[in-house]
Amino acid sequence: MFHRTQRLLLRPIWPEDWENILGGIADEGVVRNLARAPWPYTAQDAQAFASLPIDDPRCPRFLITRARDGALLGCIGLDEKDGSVELGYWVARQYWGQGIATEAGRAVIDLAQMMGHTNISAGHFVDNPASGKVLRKLGFQPSGVTVLRHSCGRGKKSPASEYTLELSTAELKRAA
């Protein structure tokens, strides 16, 4: 599955992408904000990630690439978590603050709605308020719940704020 936005091309992850993935994510500042990526992030980790099969076509993963030249900017996708669908993403440090996560997030939310999802969850570690800002821009509402979530990159559990998005609400917000 592919999806095009104004500046981005979201495309499938292929095994040969592992070197570009490694170049974008092998940064402790990126990895510490993720739950599942280990630190240090190695070539083997990138190869394993790039080779993961899509278990559920309703939960796609995408490379976030720049549409004009194909440069890898990050990764975004949906995953099943506790019977719900969760949005997760990372953006390479050199692209922080450019609206990449927000633009890619809007695209994935649109796809999720087309696939019949009605609710998406997301979260961020409390010491990463920039991610919370992205989620709120996308229409996610704070649940008011903070949980201890394990981070492989941190090697421990850390407080994380949880959010939800009702997709019918997201559609109404965009139409307004």
Protein backbone atom coordinates (compact mmCIF):
# COMPACT_ATOMS: atom_id res chain seq x y z
CA MET A 1 0.00 0.00 0.00
CA PHE A 2 1.21 3.48 -0.91
CA HIS A 3 -0.16 6.88 0.09
CA ARG A 4 0.83 10.33 -1.19
CA THR A 5 0.46 13.62 0.68
CA GLN A 6 1.54 17.10 -0.34
CA ARG A 7 5.21 16.49 0.59
CA LEU A 8 5.41 12.82 1.47
CA LEU A 9 5.17 9.37 0.00
CA LEU A 10 4.26 6.68 2.50
CA ARG A 11 5.37 3.36 1.11
CA PRO A 12 5.90 -0.23 2.19
CA ILE A 13 9.11 -1.20 3.93
CA TRP A 14 11.29 -3.52 1.87
CA PRO A 15 14.22 -5.63 3.13
CA GLU A 16 16.70 -3.56 1.11
CA ASP A 17 15.65 -0.43 3.09
CA TRP A 18 17.52 -1.59 6.18
CA GLU A 19 20.55 0.70 5.68
CA ASN A 20 18.40 3.80 5.30
CA ILE A 21 16.33 2.78 8.33
CA LEU A 22 19.52 2.33 10.34
CA GLY A 23 20.72 5.78 9.25
CA GLY A 24 17.51 7.41 10.47
CA ILE A 25 16.82 5.57 13.71
CA ALA A 26 20.32 4.79 15.07
CA ASP A 27 20.17 7.88 17.27
CA GLU A 28 19.64 7.52 21.00
CA GLY A 29 17.43 10.63 20.97
CA VAL A 30 15.06 8.91 18.55
CA VAL A 31 15.16 5.41 20.05
CA ARG A 32 14.59 6.49 23.66
CA ASN A 33 11.15 7.79 22.62
CA LEU A 34 10.09 4.38 21.26
CA ALA A 35 8.77 1.38 23.15
CA ARG A 36 10.05 -1.47 20.99
CA ALA A 37 13.34 -0.34 19.42
CA PRO A 38 16.46 -1.38 21.33
CA TRP A 39 19.49 0.77 22.10
CA PRO A 40 22.02 0.58 20.69
CA TYR A 41 20.17 0.02 17.42
CA THR A 42 22.26 -2.22 15.19
CA ALA A 43 22.37 -3.26 11.54
CA GLN A 44 20.82 -6.57 12.60
CA ASP A 45 17.92 -4.72 14.24
CA ALA A 46 17.34 -2.70 11.06
CA GLN A 47 17.51 -5.83 8.90
CA ALA A 48 15.05 -7.66 11.14
CA PHE A 49 12.62 -4.70 11.15
CA ALA A 50 12.81 -4.25 7.36
CA SER A 51 12.05 -7.95 6.89
CA LEU A 52 8.99 -8.11 9.18
CA PRO A 53 5.93 -9.49 7.41
CA ILE A 54 2.64 -7.65 7.50
CA ASP A 55 0.54 -9.93 9.71
CA ASP A 56 -2.64 -7.92 9.32
CA PRO A 57 -3.24 -5.80 6.19
CA ARG A 58 -5.47 -3.56 8.31
CA CYS A 59 -2.36 -2.57 10.31
CA PRO A 60 0.13 -1.34 7.70
CA ARG A 61 3.61 0.04 8.36
CA PHE A 62 5.15 2.66 6.11
CA LEU A 63 8.43 4.35 5.48
CA ILE A 64 7.91 8.08 5.47
CA THR A 65 9.79 9.35 2.42
CA ARG A 66 10.08 12.76 0.80
CA ALA A 67 7.98 12.61 -2.37
CA ARG A 68 10.36 14.64 -4.52
CA ASP A 69 13.49 12.54 -3.98
CA GLY A 70 12.59 9.47 -1.92
CA ALA A 71 14.75 10.45 1.09
CA LEU A 72 13.82 8.45 4.18
CA LEU A 73 12.40 10.72 6.89
CA GLY A 74 10.99 8.16 9.32
CA CYS A 75 8.48 5.40 9.82
CA ILE A 76 4.80 5.27 10.77
CA GLY A 77 2.18 2.60 11.14
CA LEU A 78 -0.66 0.94 12.92
CA ASP A 79 -0.29 -2.02 15.23
CA GLU A 80 -2.68 -4.09 17.31
CA LYS A 81 -2.39 -3.45 21.03
CA ASP A 82 -4.76 -4.86 23.64
CA GLY A 83 -7.58 -5.38 21.12
CA SER A 84 -7.25 -1.85 19.78
CA VAL A 85 -5.24 -0.24 17.00
CA GLU A 86 -2.29 1.91 18.02
CA LEU A 87 -0.50 4.57 15.97
CA GLY A 88 3.27 4.61 16.27
CA TYR A 89 5.92 6.63 14.47
CA TRP A 90 9.43 7.99 14.52
CA VAL A 91 11.09 10.75 12.54
CA ALA A 92 14.84 11.05 12.01
CA ARG A 93 16.31 13.87 14.11
CA GLN A 94 17.30 16.08 11.17
CA TYR A 95 13.61 16.30 10.20
CA TRP A 96 12.18 17.14 13.63
CA GLY A 97 10.06 20.29 13.81
CA GLN A 98 9.08 20.23 10.12
CA GLY A 99 5.55 18.81 10.47
CA ILE A 100 6.55 15.42 9.05
CA ALA A 101 4.91 13.34 11.82
CA THR A 102 1.72 15.41 11.63
CA GLU A 103 1.43 15.13 7.84
CA ALA A 104 2.18 11.40 7.85
CA GLY A 105 -0.16 10.88 10.81
CA ARG A 106 -3.06 12.53 8.99
CA ALA A 107 -2.48 10.23 6.03
CA VAL A 108 -2.44 7.10 8.20
CA ILE A 109 -5.58 8.22 10.05
CA ASP A 110 -7.35 8.68 6.69
CA LEU A 111 -6.27 5.18 5.65
CA ALA A 112 -7.37 3.73 8.99
CA GLN A 113 -10.81 5.22 8.54
CA MET A 114 -11.06 3.84 4.99
CA MET A 115 -10.11 0.39 6.36
CA GLY A 116 -12.99 0.54 8.83
CA HIS A 117 -11.19 1.35 12.06
CA THR A 118 -13.32 3.44 14.39
CA ASN A 119 -10.83 4.19 17.17
CA ILE A 120 -7.05 4.57 17.36
CA SER A 121 -4.91 4.79 20.46
CA ALA A 122 -1.48 6.36 20.79
CA GLY A 123 0.86 7.44 23.50
CA HIS A 124 4.10 9.18 24.27
CA PHE A 125 6.62 9.13 27.06
CA VAL A 126 5.94 12.12 29.29
CA ASP A 127 9.46 13.47 28.74
CA ASN A 128 8.69 13.73 25.00
CA PRO A 129 6.08 16.52 24.91
CA ALA A 130 6.70 17.15 21.19
CA SER A 131 5.01 13.83 20.41
CA GLY A 132 2.03 14.83 22.55
CA LYS A 133 1.78 18.04 20.54
CA VAL A 134 1.69 16.00 17.30
CA LEU A 135 -1.03 13.73 18.68
CA ARG A 136 -3.18 16.67 19.75
CA LYS A 137 -2.76 18.29 16.30
CA LEU A 138 -4.03 15.03 14.81
CA GLY A 139 -7.16 15.22 16.98
CA PHE A 140 -6.17 12.67 19.63
CA GLN A 141 -7.61 13.37 23.05
CA PRO A 142 -5.63 12.71 26.22
CA SER A 143 -7.25 9.85 28.13
CA GLY A 144 -6.03 11.31 31.42
CA VAL A 145 -4.19 8.04 32.06
CA THR A 146 -0.45 7.82 32.59
CA VAL A 147 1.00 4.31 32.59
CA LEU A 148 4.43 2.84 33.07
CA ARG A 149 5.40 1.55 29.63
CA HIS A 150 8.50 -0.45 28.91
CA SER A 151 11.01 1.11 26.52
CA CYS A 152 13.59 -1.25 25.06
CA GLY A 153 15.73 1.78 24.20
CA ARG A 154 15.70 3.05 27.78
CA GLY A 155 15.95 -0.43 29.22
CA LYS A 156 13.22 0.31 31.77
CA LYS A 157 9.63 1.34 32.27
CA SER A 158 8.89 5.05 32.01
CA PRO A 159 5.71 7.10 32.43
CA ALA A 160 3.69 7.42 29.23
CA SER A 161 0.56 9.45 28.53
CA GLU A 162 -2.20 7.68 26.63
CA TYR A 163 -4.46 9.19 23.96
CA THR A 164 -7.46 8.09 21.91
CA LEU A 165 -8.98 9.21 18.64
CA GLU A 166 -12.54 8.48 17.59
CA LEU A 167 -12.33 8.52 13.81
CA SER A 168 -15.80 9.96 13.25
CA THR A 169 -14.68 12.91 15.41
CA ALA A 170 -11.46 13.29 13.38
CA GLU A 171 -13.49 13.53 10.17
CA LEU A 172 -15.73 16.21 11.65
CA LYS A 173 -12.73 18.25 12.88
CA ARG A 174 -11.13 18.17 9.44
CA ALA A 175 -14.35 19.20 7.71
CA ALA A 176 -14.78 22.23 10.02
